[in-house]
């Protein structure tokens, strides 16, 4: 029994691109020119969907290798890398934002303004007695779901309480206030 050798096939190309978190939020259209083994150049247009996650592989059917005449063209597998962001960290469809809150504001309460990934401004209320590491969840301000952009994840605001460094004079006044009002 003789087997026929497998027919030659065109190869799949594995390519990678890096986008920003903002691009992952809103989606991005990419246009690239790639050189094919046949010597031709091909212009590839890719619509990266909003909500795409780091490591997502997009398949571009029959846009790859074309060197084997008579065989179907190969595919392109485009792996998406999302670059780290300086203000937001992604966790699924949620975005985490660390809000530095002065210790006095955590004790007394205050309002803070933060910019979202899509440049909207949110007013965040820090209630009196807020603790370090407390998470405030705001629905609808996270990443869009990749296949259904009508839904967005949450913005998770993580409170990072900053304790001020006091001068000797300030420490004495604070200690005197505490001694007179709390230790009588």
Protein backbone atom coordinates (compact mmCIF):
# COMPACT_ATOMS: atom_id res chain seq x y z
CA UNK A 1 0.00 0.00 0.00
CA UNK A 2 1.46 3.26 -1.09
CA UNK A 3 0.52 6.57 0.38
CA UNK A 4 0.61 9.71 -1.57
CA UNK A 5 2.85 12.33 -0.08
CA UNK A 6 0.83 15.20 1.35
CA UNK A 7 0.19 17.96 -1.12
CA UNK A 8 2.28 21.04 -0.49
CA UNK A 9 0.42 23.72 1.41
CA UNK A 10 0.86 27.40 1.92
CA UNK A 11 1.94 28.35 5.40
CA UNK A 12 0.22 30.36 8.09
CA UNK A 13 2.12 33.46 9.13
CA UNK A 14 2.24 34.38 12.80
CA UNK A 15 2.52 38.12 13.28
CA UNK A 16 2.31 40.32 16.35
CA UNK A 17 1.40 43.95 17.00
CA UNK A 18 1.35 46.06 20.14
CA UNK A 19 -1.40 48.58 20.79
CA UNK A 20 -2.15 50.99 23.62
CA UNK A 21 -4.85 50.43 26.23
CA UNK A 22 -6.71 53.38 24.67
CA UNK A 23 -6.66 51.54 21.31
CA UNK A 24 -7.95 48.39 23.02
CA UNK A 25 -10.72 50.50 24.57
CA UNK A 26 -11.94 52.10 21.35
CA UNK A 27 -10.74 49.64 18.70
CA UNK A 28 -8.19 50.36 15.99
CA UNK A 29 -7.86 50.01 12.25
CA UNK A 30 -4.42 48.81 11.17
CA UNK A 31 -2.98 48.84 7.67
CA UNK A 32 0.29 47.02 7.07
CA UNK A 33 2.29 45.90 4.05
CA UNK A 34 3.84 42.47 4.33
CA UNK A 35 6.25 40.72 1.99
CA UNK A 36 5.11 37.29 0.83
CA UNK A 37 7.46 34.39 -0.04
CA UNK A 38 6.29 34.65 -3.66
CA UNK A 39 7.94 38.08 -3.80
CA UNK A 40 4.65 39.96 -3.86
CA UNK A 41 3.76 42.58 -1.29
CA UNK A 42 0.33 42.50 0.25
CA UNK A 43 -1.53 45.29 1.99
CA UNK A 44 -3.37 43.91 5.00
CA UNK A 45 -6.19 45.84 6.64
CA UNK A 46 -7.22 44.70 10.10
CA UNK A 47 -9.99 46.02 12.30
CA UNK A 48 -8.96 45.40 15.91
CA UNK A 49 -12.22 45.28 17.87
CA UNK A 50 -12.91 47.46 20.92
CA UNK A 51 -12.40 45.49 24.12
CA UNK A 52 -9.65 43.28 22.67
CA UNK A 53 -7.56 41.62 25.39
CA UNK A 54 -3.82 41.14 25.59
CA UNK A 55 -2.89 37.89 23.83
CA UNK A 56 -5.97 37.77 21.57
CA UNK A 57 -5.20 36.12 18.22
CA UNK A 58 -7.08 37.40 15.18
CA UNK A 59 -7.26 35.04 12.19
CA UNK A 60 -7.02 36.64 8.75
CA UNK A 61 -8.19 33.84 6.48
CA UNK A 62 -6.27 33.25 3.24
CA UNK A 63 -4.14 36.36 3.51
CA UNK A 64 -0.86 34.57 4.21
CA UNK A 65 1.61 32.54 2.18
CA UNK A 66 0.90 32.26 -1.54
CA UNK A 67 4.08 30.55 -2.76
CA UNK A 68 2.52 27.14 -3.55
CA UNK A 69 0.60 27.63 -6.79
CA UNK A 70 -2.75 25.85 -6.87
CA UNK A 71 -2.98 25.45 -3.10
CA UNK A 72 -5.22 27.64 -0.94
CA UNK A 73 -3.41 30.60 0.53
CA UNK A 74 -2.25 30.37 4.10
CA UNK A 75 -3.73 32.41 6.91
CA UNK A 76 -2.29 35.15 9.05
CA UNK A 77 -2.59 34.82 12.81
CA UNK A 78 -2.15 38.27 14.36
CA UNK A 79 -1.44 38.26 18.09
CA UNK A 80 -2.44 41.46 19.86
CA UNK A 81 -0.31 42.72 22.74
CA UNK A 82 -1.70 45.56 24.85
CA UNK A 83 1.03 47.77 26.30
CA UNK A 84 0.90 48.56 30.04
CA UNK A 85 -0.74 51.87 30.94
CA UNK A 86 0.69 54.32 33.47
CA UNK A 87 -2.64 55.01 35.22
CA UNK A 88 -4.90 52.01 34.60
CA UNK A 89 -4.42 48.29 35.05
CA UNK A 90 -6.77 45.90 33.29
CA UNK A 91 -8.41 42.96 35.03
CA UNK A 92 -10.75 41.25 32.57
CA UNK A 93 -13.25 43.94 31.57
CA UNK A 94 -12.56 45.99 34.71
CA UNK A 95 -10.04 48.81 34.96
CA UNK A 96 -8.17 49.47 38.20
CA UNK A 97 -7.17 53.02 39.08
CA UNK A 98 -5.10 53.81 42.19
CA UNK A 99 -6.22 57.06 43.80
CA UNK A 100 -3.74 58.70 46.17
CA UNK A 101 -5.71 60.21 49.06
CA UNK A 102 -4.05 62.38 51.72
CA UNK A 103 -4.57 60.90 55.20
CA UNK A 104 -6.56 63.91 56.40
CA UNK A 105 -9.00 63.53 53.47
CA UNK A 106 -9.43 59.84 54.34
CA UNK A 107 -10.29 60.84 57.91
CA UNK A 108 -12.58 63.77 57.10
CA UNK A 109 -13.84 62.89 53.61
CA UNK A 110 -13.43 64.82 50.38
CA UNK A 111 -14.19 64.77 46.66
CA UNK A 112 -11.65 63.95 43.95
CA UNK A 113 -11.77 64.18 40.16
CA UNK A 114 -10.28 61.50 37.96
CA UNK A 115 -10.09 61.16 34.18
CA UNK A 116 -11.38 57.94 32.67
CA UNK A 117 -9.68 56.09 29.83
CA UNK A 118 -12.01 57.81 27.36
CA UNK A 119 -11.22 61.27 28.82
CA UNK A 120 -14.39 61.76 30.82
CA UNK A 121 -14.10 63.31 34.27
CA UNK A 122 -15.63 61.51 37.23
CA UNK A 123 -16.13 62.98 40.69
CA UNK A 124 -15.25 60.42 43.35
CA UNK A 125 -16.47 60.90 46.92
CA UNK A 126 -14.16 59.65 49.64
CA UNK A 127 -16.31 59.22 52.73
CA UNK A 128 -14.99 60.03 56.22
CA UNK A 129 -13.13 57.03 57.64
CA UNK A 130 -12.16 55.54 54.28
CA UNK A 131 -9.48 52.90 54.76
CA UNK A 132 -6.30 52.20 52.79
CA UNK A 133 -6.93 49.62 50.08
CA UNK A 134 -10.69 50.18 50.01
CA UNK A 135 -12.14 49.64 46.52
CA UNK A 136 -14.85 51.86 45.06
CA UNK A 137 -16.59 50.18 42.09
CA UNK A 138 -18.16 52.34 39.38
CA UNK A 139 -20.17 50.37 36.83
CA UNK A 140 -19.94 51.18 33.13
CA UNK A 141 -16.53 52.89 33.10
CA UNK A 142 -14.34 49.85 32.43
CA UNK A 143 -13.40 48.16 29.17
CA UNK A 144 -16.07 47.36 26.59
CA UNK A 145 -16.87 43.68 26.11
CA UNK A 146 -15.12 42.55 22.94
CA UNK A 147 -18.13 41.07 21.14
CA UNK A 148 -20.78 43.35 22.61
CA UNK A 149 -19.68 46.97 23.05
CA UNK A 150 -23.00 47.91 24.67
CA UNK A 151 -21.64 46.51 27.94
CA UNK A 152 -18.61 47.81 29.81
CA UNK A 153 -16.82 46.57 32.87
CA UNK A 154 -16.31 48.53 36.08
CA UNK A 155 -13.81 51.16 37.08
CA UNK A 156 -12.32 49.96 40.35
CA UNK A 157 -10.83 52.86 42.31
CA UNK A 158 -8.32 51.57 44.85
CA UNK A 159 -7.71 54.04 47.69
CA UNK A 160 -4.05 54.58 48.52
CA UNK A 161 -3.81 56.66 51.68
CA UNK A 162 -0.76 58.91 51.77
CA UNK A 163 0.41 59.83 55.26
CA UNK A 164 1.96 63.31 55.28
CA UNK A 165 5.42 63.92 56.65
CA UNK A 166 5.07 66.49 59.44
CA UNK A 167 7.57 69.03 60.67
CA UNK A 168 8.53 68.95 64.36
CA UNK A 169 6.25 71.94 64.98
CA UNK A 170 3.27 70.26 63.23
CA UNK A 171 3.83 67.03 65.19
CA UNK A 172 3.82 68.94 68.49
CA UNK A 173 0.57 70.74 67.62
CA UNK A 174 -1.10 67.47 66.50
CA UNK A 175 0.11 65.63 69.60
CA UNK A 176 -1.16 68.44 71.84
CA UNK A 177 -4.55 68.39 70.08
CA UNK A 178 -4.83 64.62 70.45
CA UNK A 179 -3.74 64.66 74.11
CA UNK A 180 -6.23 67.41 74.98
CA UNK A 181 -9.18 65.88 73.10
CA UNK A 182 -8.74 62.13 73.25
CA UNK A 183 -6.72 61.24 76.34
CA UNK A 184 -8.50 63.16 79.12
